[in-house]
Amino acid sequence: MPNSESAKKRVRQNTDRAARNRWRRTKVKDETKVFLKAIHDGDRVGAEKSLRSLSGLLDRFALTPTMHRNTAARRKSRLAKRLNKLTASAKA
């Protein structure tokens, strides 16, 4: 248990930040699931729309301590590859 006022405040801040980070990670996972479902179903338009919103989320969260910017860039790249693969197979 924290004894000093500053230690008590630090516990409160850590709790709030952990909750905020958990919410952000959950939001990214949920949006990713929507994108992957659209890919699985072969819905190119839905996948493009979902990727745009997911990219915005990743860019926003990359500016915070929740996620490193390289992690966000890597995820966006991998998801874009999957969309390109779907688009290429649809054209063929």
PDB file of N, CA and C in Angstrom:
ATOM      1  N   MET A   1       0.837  -1.187   0.000  1.00  0.00           N
ATOM      2  CA  MET A   1       0.000   0.000   0.000  1.00  0.00           C
ATOM      3  C   MET A   1       0.881   1.249   0.000  1.00  0.00           C
ATOM      4  N   PRO A   2       0.512   2.211  -0.834  1.00  0.00           N
ATOM      5  CA  PRO A   2       1.291   3.455  -0.844  1.00  0.00           C
ATOM      6  C   PRO A   2       1.022   4.271   0.423  1.00  0.00           C
ATOM      7  N   ASN A   3       2.064   4.893   0.909  1.00  0.00           N
ATOM      8  CA  ASN A   3       1.939   5.675   2.131  1.00  0.00           C
ATOM      9  C   ASN A   3       1.906   7.165   1.862  1.00  0.00           C
ATOM     10  N   SER A   4       2.733   7.632   0.952  1.00  0.00           N
ATOM     11  CA  SER A   4       2.786   9.073   0.709  1.00  0.00           C
ATOM     12  C   SER A   4       1.705   9.485  -0.286  1.00  0.00           C
ATOM     13  N   GLU A   5       1.416  10.772  -0.283  1.00  0.00           N
ATOM     14  CA  GLU A   5       0.396  11.299  -1.196  1.00  0.00           C
ATOM     15  C   GLU A   5       0.822  11.113  -2.653  1.00  0.00           C
ATOM     16  N   SER A   6       2.108  11.311  -2.915  1.00  0.00           N
ATOM     17  CA  SER A   6       2.577  11.179  -4.300  1.00  0.00           C
ATOM     18  C   SER A   6       2.500   9.724  -4.772  1.00  0.00           C
ATOM     19  N   ALA A   7       2.741   8.792  -3.851  1.00  0.00           N
ATOM     20  CA  ALA A   7       2.631   7.377  -4.211  1.00  0.00           C
ATOM     21  C   ALA A   7       1.177   6.993  -4.471  1.00  0.00           C
ATOM     22  N   LYS A   8       0.269   7.568  -3.700  1.00  0.00           N
ATOM     23  CA  LYS A   8      -1.157   7.300  -3.911  1.00  0.00           C
ATOM     24  C   LYS A   8      -1.603   7.845  -5.266  1.00  0.00           C
ATOM     25  N   LYS A   9      -1.121   9.034  -5.579  1.00  0.00           N
ATOM     26  CA  LYS A   9      -1.462   9.631  -6.877  1.00  0.00           C
ATOM     27  C   LYS A   9      -0.900   8.784  -8.012  1.00  0.00           C
ATOM     28  N   ARG A  10       0.315   8.284  -7.845  1.00  0.00           N
ATOM     29  CA  ARG A  10       0.946   7.451  -8.864  1.00  0.00           C
ATOM     30  C   ARG A  10       0.121   6.174  -9.105  1.00  0.00           C
ATOM     31  N   VAL A  11      -0.418   5.592  -8.053  1.00  0.00           N
ATOM     32  CA  VAL A  11      -1.260   4.400  -8.194  1.00  0.00           C
ATOM     33  C   VAL A  11      -2.519   4.743  -8.988  1.00  0.00           C
ATOM     34  N   ARG A  12      -3.125   5.889  -8.673  1.00  0.00           N
ATOM     35  CA  ARG A  12      -4.317   6.315  -9.415  1.00  0.00           C
ATOM     36  C   ARG A  12      -3.994   6.540 -10.884  1.00  0.00           C
ATOM     37  N   GLN A  13      -2.889   7.202 -11.161  1.00  0.00           N
ATOM     38  CA  GLN A  13      -2.507   7.468 -12.547  1.00  0.00           C
ATOM     39  C   GLN A  13      -2.244   6.170 -13.303  1.00  0.00           C
ATOM     40  N   ASN A  14      -1.545   5.248 -12.668  1.00  0.00           N
ATOM     41  CA  ASN A  14      -1.248   3.973 -13.319  1.00  0.00           C
ATOM     42  C   ASN A  14      -2.517   3.195 -13.633  1.00  0.00           C
ATOM     43  N   THR A  15      -3.468   3.229 -12.726  1.00  0.00           N
ATOM     44  CA  THR A  15      -4.740   2.534 -12.938  1.00  0.00           C
ATOM     45  C   THR A  15      -5.485   3.142 -14.129  1.00  0.00           C
ATOM     46  N   ASP A  16      -5.544   4.461 -14.169  1.00  0.00           N
ATOM     47  CA  ASP A  16      -6.231   5.143 -15.263  1.00  0.00           C
ATOM     48  C   ASP A  16      -5.552   4.864 -16.604  1.00  0.00           C
ATOM     49  N   ARG A  17      -4.237   4.937 -16.615  1.00  0.00           N
ATOM     50  CA  ARG A  17      -3.497   4.710 -17.865  1.00  0.00           C
ATOM     51  C   ARG A  17      -3.634   3.271 -18.343  1.00  0.00           C
ATOM     52  N   ALA A  18      -3.599   2.337 -17.413  1.00  0.00           N
ATOM     53  CA  ALA A  18      -3.748   0.931 -17.786  1.00  0.00           C
ATOM     54  C   ALA A  18      -5.122   0.688 -18.390  1.00  0.00           C
ATOM     55  N   ALA A  19      -6.154   1.297 -17.811  1.00  0.00           N
ATOM     56  CA  ALA A  19      -7.508   1.145 -18.348  1.00  0.00           C
ATOM     57  C   ALA A  19      -7.614   1.761 -19.738  1.00  0.00           C
ATOM     58  N   ARG A  20      -7.009   2.912 -19.920  1.00  0.00           N
ATOM     59  CA  ARG A  20      -7.038   3.587 -21.223  1.00  0.00           C
ATOM     60  C   ARG A  20      -6.294   2.762 -22.274  1.00  0.00           C
ATOM     61  N   ASN A  21      -5.142   2.232 -21.911  1.00  0.00           N
ATOM     62  CA  ASN A  21      -4.371   1.408 -22.845  1.00  0.00           C
ATOM     63  C   ASN A  21      -5.107   0.120 -23.182  1.00  0.00           C
ATOM     64  N   ARG A  22      -5.759  -0.477 -22.201  1.00  0.00           N
ATOM     65  CA  ARG A  22      -6.530  -1.702 -22.428  1.00  0.00           C
ATOM     66  C   ARG A  22      -7.669  -1.421 -23.403  1.00  0.00           C
ATOM     67  N   TRP A  23      -8.348  -0.287 -23.226  1.00  0.00           N
ATOM     68  CA  TRP A  23      -9.431   0.086 -24.126  1.00  0.00           C
ATOM     69  C   TRP A  23      -8.917   0.268 -25.551  1.00  0.00           C
ATOM     70  N   ARG A  24      -7.777   0.923 -25.680  1.00  0.00           N
ATOM     71  CA  ARG A  24      -7.214   1.157 -27.014  1.00  0.00           C
ATOM     72  C   ARG A  24      -6.829  -0.156 -27.690  1.00  0.00           C
ATOM     73  N   ARG A  25      -6.176  -1.048 -26.949  1.00  0.00           N
ATOM     74  CA  ARG A  25      -5.782  -2.335 -27.536  1.00  0.00           C
ATOM     75  C   ARG A  25      -7.003  -3.145 -27.936  1.00  0.00           C
ATOM     76  N   THR A  26      -8.046  -3.113 -27.103  1.00  0.00           N
ATOM     77  CA  THR A  26      -9.279  -3.829 -27.420  1.00  0.00           C
ATOM     78  C   THR A  26      -9.922  -3.247 -28.669  1.00  0.00           C
ATOM     79  N   LYS A  27      -9.916  -1.931 -28.797  1.00  0.00           N
ATOM     80  CA  LYS A  27     -10.501  -1.259 -29.962  1.00  0.00           C
ATOM     81  C   LYS A  27      -9.774  -1.693 -31.236  1.00  0.00           C
ATOM     82  N   VAL A  28      -8.447  -1.756 -31.189  1.00  0.00           N
ATOM     83  CA  VAL A  28      -7.668  -2.187 -32.357  1.00  0.00           C
ATOM     84  C   VAL A  28      -7.989  -3.637 -32.697  1.00  0.00           C
ATOM     85  N   LYS A  29      -8.072  -4.493 -31.678  1.00  0.00           N
ATOM     86  CA  LYS A  29      -8.375  -5.904 -31.927  1.00  0.00           C
ATOM     87  C   LYS A  29      -9.764  -6.074 -32.532  1.00  0.00           C
ATOM     88  N   ASP A  30     -10.742  -5.325 -32.027  1.00  0.00           N
ATOM     89  CA  ASP A  30     -12.099  -5.429 -32.557  1.00  0.00           C
ATOM     90  C   ASP A  30     -12.161  -4.984 -34.011  1.00  0.00           C
ATOM     91  N   GLU A  31     -11.510  -3.870 -34.322  1.00  0.00           N
ATOM     92  CA  GLU A  31     -11.498  -3.377 -35.704  1.00  0.00           C
ATOM     93  C   GLU A  31     -10.757  -4.350 -36.621  1.00  0.00           C
ATOM     94  N   THR A  32      -9.704  -4.975 -36.102  1.00  0.00           N
ATOM     95  CA  THR A  32      -8.961  -5.952 -36.898  1.00  0.00           C
ATOM     96  C   THR A  32      -9.837  -7.147 -37.211  1.00  0.00           C
ATOM     97  N   LYS A  33     -10.630  -7.576 -36.242  1.00  0.00           N
ATOM     98  CA  LYS A  33     -11.535  -8.706 -36.467  1.00  0.00           C
ATOM     99  C   LYS A  33     -12.555  -8.373 -37.546  1.00  0.00           C
ATOM    100  N   VAL A  34     -13.059  -7.153 -37.547  1.00  0.00           N
ATOM    101  CA  VAL A  34     -14.014  -6.740 -38.579  1.00  0.00           C
ATOM    102  C   VAL A  34     -13.352  -6.805 -39.949  1.00  0.00           C
ATOM    103  N   PHE A  35     -12.108  -6.317 -40.031  1.00  0.00           N
ATOM    104  CA  PHE A  35     -11.371  -6.341 -41.297  1.00  0.00           C
ATOM    105  C   PHE A  35     -11.135  -7.777 -41.760  1.00  0.00           C
ATOM    106  N   LEU A  36     -10.674  -8.624 -40.854  1.00  0.00           N
ATOM    107  CA  LEU A  36     -10.369 -10.004 -41.227  1.00  0.00           C
ATOM    108  C   LEU A  36     -11.623 -10.773 -41.627  1.00  0.00           C
ATOM    109  N   LYS A  37     -12.750 -10.455 -41.001  1.00  0.00           N
ATOM    110  CA  LYS A  37     -14.002 -11.098 -41.396  1.00  0.00           C
ATOM    111  C   LYS A  37     -14.387 -10.682 -42.808  1.00  0.00           C
ATOM    112  N   ALA A  38     -14.198  -9.415 -43.133  1.00  0.00           N
ATOM    113  CA  ALA A  38     -14.495  -8.941 -44.484  1.00  0.00           C
ATOM    114  C   ALA A  38     -13.572  -9.617 -45.499  1.00  0.00           C
ATOM    115  N   ILE A  39     -12.319  -9.798 -45.147  1.00  0.00           N
ATOM    116  CA  ILE A  39     -11.366 -10.486 -46.026  1.00  0.00           C
ATOM    117  C   ILE A  39     -11.803 -11.930 -46.221  1.00  0.00           C
ATOM    118  N   HIS A  40     -12.164 -12.586 -45.126  1.00  0.00           N
ATOM    119  CA  HIS A  40     -12.573 -13.989 -45.180  1.00  0.00           C
ATOM    120  C   HIS A  40     -13.822 -14.170 -46.039  1.00  0.00           C
ATOM    121  N   ASP A  41     -14.750 -13.209 -45.940  1.00  0.00           N
ATOM    122  CA  ASP A  41     -15.983 -13.286 -46.714  1.00  0.00           C
ATOM    123  C   ASP A  41     -15.797 -12.848 -48.165  1.00  0.00           C
ATOM    124  N   GLY A  42     -14.638 -12.274 -48.472  1.00  0.00           N
ATOM    125  CA  GLY A  42     -14.373 -11.812 -49.833  1.00  0.00           C
ATOM    126  C   GLY A  42     -15.007 -10.472 -50.140  1.00  0.00           C
ATOM    127  N   ASP A  43     -15.368  -9.717 -49.114  1.00  0.00           N
ATOM    128  CA  ASP A  43     -15.996  -8.403 -49.287  1.00  0.00           C
ATOM    129  C   ASP A  43     -14.907  -7.342 -49.427  1.00  0.00           C
ATOM    130  N   ARG A  44     -14.534  -7.034 -50.663  1.00  0.00           N
ATOM    131  CA  ARG A  44     -13.433  -6.102 -50.917  1.00  0.00           C
ATOM    132  C   ARG A  44     -13.781  -4.692 -50.454  1.00  0.00           C
ATOM    133  N   VAL A  45     -14.999  -4.232 -50.759  1.00  0.00           N
ATOM    134  CA  VAL A  45     -15.411  -2.874 -50.391  1.00  0.00           C
ATOM    135  C   VAL A  45     -15.455  -2.719 -48.869  1.00  0.00           C
ATOM    136  N   GLY A  46     -16.022  -3.696 -48.192  1.00  0.00           N
ATOM    137  CA  GLY A  46     -16.067  -3.645 -46.735  1.00  0.00           C
ATOM    138  C   GLY A  46     -14.684  -3.698 -46.117  1.00  0.00           C
ATOM    139  N   ALA A  47     -13.812  -4.491 -46.722  1.00  0.00           N
ATOM    140  CA  ALA A  47     -12.450  -4.592 -46.207  1.00  0.00           C
ATOM    141  C   ALA A  47     -11.702  -3.274 -46.389  1.00  0.00           C
ATOM    142  N   GLU A  48     -11.891  -2.623 -47.530  1.00  0.00           N
ATOM    143  CA  GLU A  48     -11.227  -1.329 -47.761  1.00  0.00           C
ATOM    144  C   GLU A  48     -11.703  -0.290 -46.752  1.00  0.00           C
ATOM    145  N   LYS A  49     -13.005  -0.261 -46.538  1.00  0.00           N
ATOM    146  CA  LYS A  49     -13.572   0.690 -45.580  1.00  0.00           C
ATOM    147  C   LYS A  49     -13.051   0.404 -44.173  1.00  0.00           C
ATOM    148  N   SER A  50     -13.015  -0.868 -43.821  1.00  0.00           N
ATOM    149  CA  SER A  50     -12.536  -1.261 -42.504  1.00  0.00           C
ATOM    150  C   SER A  50     -11.052  -0.947 -42.341  1.00  0.00           C
ATOM    151  N   LEU A  51     -10.273  -1.164 -43.400  1.00  0.00           N
ATOM    152  CA  LEU A  51      -8.833  -0.877 -43.326  1.00  0.00           C
ATOM    153  C   LEU A  51      -8.584   0.612 -43.141  1.00  0.00           C
ATOM    154  N   ARG A  52      -9.385   1.442 -43.791  1.00  0.00           N
ATOM    155  CA  ARG A  52      -9.217   2.893 -43.626  1.00  0.00           C
ATOM    156  C   ARG A  52      -9.456   3.302 -42.179  1.00  0.00           C
ATOM    157  N   SER A  53     -10.519   2.799 -41.578  1.00  0.00           N
ATOM    158  CA  SER A  53     -10.803   3.173 -40.185  1.00  0.00           C
ATOM    159  C   SER A  53      -9.758   2.588 -39.241  1.00  0.00           C
ATOM    160  N   LEU A  54      -9.321   1.365 -39.522  1.00  0.00           N
ATOM    161  CA  LEU A  54      -8.303   0.736 -38.683  1.00  0.00           C
ATOM    162  C   LEU A  54      -6.968   1.460 -38.788  1.00  0.00           C
ATOM    163  N   SER A  55      -6.622   1.902 -39.991  1.00  0.00           N
ATOM    164  CA  SER A  55      -5.372   2.649 -40.170  1.00  0.00           C
ATOM    165  C   SER A  55      -5.401   3.950 -39.378  1.00  0.00           C
ATOM    166  N   GLY A  56      -6.541   4.609 -39.379  1.00  0.00           N
ATOM    167  CA  GLY A  56      -6.670   5.837 -38.599  1.00  0.00           C
ATOM    168  C   GLY A  56      -6.499   5.582 -37.115  1.00  0.00           C
ATOM    169  N   LEU A  57      -7.105   4.493 -36.643  1.00  0.00           N
ATOM    170  CA  LEU A  57      -6.946   4.134 -35.231  1.00  0.00           C
ATOM    171  C   LEU A  57      -5.485   3.871 -34.902  1.00  0.00           C
ATOM    172  N   LEU A  58      -4.842   3.067 -35.746  1.00  0.00           N
ATOM    173  CA  LEU A  58      -3.446   2.719 -35.485  1.00  0.00           C
ATOM    174  C   LEU A  58      -2.563   3.959 -35.494  1.00  0.00           C
ATOM    175  N   ASP A  59      -2.810   4.868 -36.434  1.00  0.00           N
ATOM    176  CA  ASP A  59      -2.021   6.100 -36.482  1.00  0.00           C
ATOM    177  C   ASP A  59      -2.225   6.934 -35.225  1.00  0.00           C
ATOM    178  N   ARG A  60      -3.477   7.010 -34.773  1.00  0.00           N
ATOM    179  CA  ARG A  60      -3.764   7.789 -33.571  1.00  0.00           C
ATOM    180  C   ARG A  60      -3.113   7.169 -32.342  1.00  0.00           C
ATOM    181  N   PHE A  61      -3.224   5.845 -32.219  1.00  0.00           N
ATOM    182  CA  PHE A  61      -2.689   5.182 -31.036  1.00  0.00           C
ATOM    183  C   PHE A  61      -1.169   5.087 -31.073  1.00  0.00           C
ATOM    184  N   ALA A  62      -0.578   5.212 -32.266  1.00  0.00           N
ATOM    185  CA  ALA A  62       0.880   5.200 -32.368  1.00  0.00           C
ATOM    186  C   ALA A  62       1.481   6.478 -31.786  1.00  0.00           C
ATOM    187  N   LEU A  63       0.687   7.517 -31.670  1.00  0.00           N
ATOM    188  CA  LEU A  63       1.169   8.769 -31.086  1.00  0.00           C
ATOM    189  C   LEU A  63       1.157   8.730 -29.562  1.00  0.00           C
ATOM    190  N   THR A  64       0.587   7.679 -28.996  1.00  0.00           N
ATOM    191  CA  THR A  64       0.498   7.542 -27.548  1.00  0.00           C
ATOM    192  C   THR A  64       1.455   6.438 -27.094  1.00  0.00           C
ATOM    193  N   PRO A  65       1.679   6.324 -25.801  1.00  0.00           N
ATOM    194  CA  PRO A  65       2.535   5.231 -25.313  1.00  0.00           C
ATOM    195  C   PRO A  65       1.899   3.840 -25.438  1.00  0.00           C
ATOM    196  N   THR A  66       0.656   3.767 -25.871  1.00  0.00           N
ATOM    197  CA  THR A  66      -0.021   2.482 -25.984  1.00  0.00           C
ATOM    198  C   THR A  66       0.663   1.573 -26.987  1.00  0.00           C
ATOM    199  N   MET A  67       1.090   2.150 -28.101  1.00  0.00           N
ATOM    200  CA  MET A  67       1.648   1.350 -29.177  1.00  0.00           C
ATOM    201  C   MET A  67       2.805   2.113 -29.826  1.00  0.00           C
ATOM    202  N   HIS A  68       3.877   1.388 -30.118  1.00  0.00           N
ATOM    203  CA  HIS A  68       5.016   1.996 -30.790  1.00  0.00           C
ATOM    204  C   HIS A  68       4.657   2.268 -32.242  1.00  0.00           C
ATOM    205  N   ARG A  69       5.236   3.316 -32.800  1.00  0.00           N
ATOM    206  CA  ARG A  69       4.875   3.692 -34.172  1.00  0.00           C
ATOM    207  C   ARG A  69       5.277   2.630 -35.186  1.00  0.00           C
ATOM    208  N   ASN A  70       6.364   1.920 -34.925  1.00  0.00           N
ATOM    209  CA  ASN A  70       6.771   0.858 -35.845  1.00  0.00           C
ATOM    210  C   ASN A  70       5.810  -0.323 -35.786  1.00  0.00           C
ATOM    211  N   THR A  71       5.263  -0.586 -34.618  1.00  0.00           N
ATOM    212  CA  THR A  71       4.278  -1.656 -34.479  1.00  0.00           C
ATOM    213  C   THR A  71       3.036  -1.319 -35.283  1.00  0.00           C
ATOM    214  N   ALA A  72       2.591  -0.081 -35.191  1.00  0.00           N
ATOM    215  CA  ALA A  72       1.410   0.347 -35.945  1.00  0.00           C
ATOM    216  C   ALA A  72       1.684   0.255 -37.444  1.00  0.00           C
ATOM    217  N   ALA A  73       2.858   0.690 -37.867  1.00  0.00           N
ATOM    218  CA  ALA A  73       3.207   0.645 -39.288  1.00  0.00           C
ATOM    219  C   ALA A  73       3.276  -0.797 -39.782  1.00  0.00           C
ATOM    220  N   ARG A  74       3.834  -1.677 -38.976  1.00  0.00           N
ATOM    221  CA  ARG A  74       3.938  -3.086 -39.372  1.00  0.00           C
ATOM    222  C   ARG A  74       2.552  -3.715 -39.517  1.00  0.00           C
ATOM    223  N   ARG A  75       1.670  -3.421 -38.585  1.00  0.00           N
ATOM    224  CA  ARG A  75       0.313  -3.974 -38.661  1.00  0.00           C
ATOM    225  C   ARG A  75      -0.425  -3.452 -39.887  1.00  0.00           C
ATOM    226  N   LYS A  76      -0.295  -2.147 -40.152  1.00  0.00           N
ATOM    227  CA  LYS A  76      -0.952  -1.575 -41.324  1.00  0.00           C
ATOM    228  C   LYS A  76      -0.419  -2.214 -42.596  1.00  0.00           C
ATOM    229  N   SER A  77       0.872  -2.432 -42.652  1.00  0.00           N
ATOM    230  CA  SER A  77       1.481  -3.034 -43.836  1.00  0.00           C
ATOM    231  C   SER A  77       0.973  -4.448 -44.056  1.00  0.00           C
ATOM    232  N   ARG A  78       0.910  -5.229 -43.008  1.00  0.00           N
ATOM    233  CA  ARG A  78       0.465  -6.619 -43.138  1.00  0.00           C
ATOM    234  C   ARG A  78      -1.009  -6.702 -43.536  1.00  0.00           C
ATOM    235  N   LEU A  79      -1.812  -5.808 -42.989  1.00  0.00           N
ATOM    236  CA  LEU A  79      -3.227  -5.810 -43.337  1.00  0.00           C
ATOM    237  C   LEU A  79      -3.428  -5.343 -44.779  1.00  0.00           C
ATOM    238  N   ALA A  80      -2.654  -4.354 -45.200  1.00  0.00           N
ATOM    239  CA  ALA A  80      -2.748  -3.873 -46.580  1.00  0.00           C
ATOM    240  C   ALA A  80      -2.334  -4.975 -47.552  1.00  0.00           C
ATOM    241  N   LYS A  81      -1.343  -5.769 -47.177  1.00  0.00           N
ATOM    242  CA  LYS A  81      -0.930  -6.900 -48.017  1.00  0.00           C
ATOM    243  C   LYS A  81      -2.084  -7.867 -48.212  1.00  0.00           C
ATOM    244  N   ARG A  82      -2.811  -8.134 -47.147  1.00  0.00           N
ATOM    245  CA  ARG A  82      -3.940  -9.066 -47.248  1.00  0.00           C
ATOM    246  C   ARG A  82      -5.032  -8.503 -48.142  1.00  0.00           C
ATOM    247  N   LEU A  83      -5.258  -7.193 -48.040  1.00  0.00           N
ATOM    248  CA  LEU A  83      -6.257  -6.575 -48.903  1.00  0.00           C
ATOM    249  C   LEU A  83      -5.812  -6.623 -50.358  1.00  0.00           C
ATOM    250  N   ASN A  84      -4.548  -6.350 -50.613  1.00  0.00           N
ATOM    251  CA  ASN A  84      -4.020  -6.397 -51.983  1.00  0.00           C
ATOM    252  C   ASN A  84      -4.124  -7.791 -52.549  1.00  0.00           C
ATOM    253  N   LYS A  85      -3.881  -8.783 -51.728  1.00  0.00           N
ATOM    254  CA  LYS A  85      -3.989 -10.177 -52.164  1.00  0.00           C
ATOM    255  C   LYS A  85      -5.425 -10.499 -52.566  1.00  0.00           C
ATOM    256  N   LEU A  86      -6.389 -10.011 -51.757  1.00  0.00           N
ATOM    257  CA  LEU A  86      -7.807 -10.215 -52.075  1.00  0.00           C
ATOM    258  C   LEU A  86      -8.174  -9.490 -53.368  1.00  0.00           C
ATOM    259  N   THR A  87      -7.688  -8.283 -53.531  1.00  0.00           N
ATOM    260  CA  THR A  87      -7.987  -7.506 -54.735  1.00  0.00           C
ATOM    261  C   THR A  87      -7.389  -8.171 -55.964  1.00  0.00           C
ATOM    262  N   ALA A  88      -6.171  -8.688 -55.842  1.00  0.00           N
ATOM    263  CA  ALA A  88      -5.522  -9.330 -56.964  1.00  0.00           C
ATOM    264  C   ALA A  88      -6.256 -10.605 -57.357  1.00  0.00           C
ATOM    265  N   SER A  89      -6.730 -11.361 -56.373  1.00  0.00           N
ATOM    266  CA  SER A  89      -7.446 -12.593 -56.684  1.00  0.00           C
ATOM    267  C   SER A  89      -8.817 -12.294 -57.272  1.00  0.00           C
ATOM    268  N   ALA A  90      -9.392 -11.149 -56.901  1.00  0.00           N
ATOM    269  CA  ALA A  90     -10.698 -10.784 -57.459  1.00  0.00           C
ATOM    270  C   ALA A  90     -10.567 -10.367 -58.931  1.00  0.00           C
ATOM    271  N   LYS A  91      -9.443  -9.752 -59.273  1.00  0.00           N
ATOM    272  CA  LYS A  91      -9.220  -9.321 -60.658  1.00  0.00           C
ATOM    273  C   LYS A  91      -8.876 -10.490 -61.565  1.00  0.00           C
ATOM    274  N   ALA A  92      -8.235 -11.507 -60.985  1.00  0.00           N
ATOM    275  CA  ALA A  92      -7.807 -12.660 -61.801  1.00  0.00           C
ATOM    276  C   ALA A  92      -8.938 -13.579 -62.169  1.00  0.00           C
TER     277      ALA A  92
END
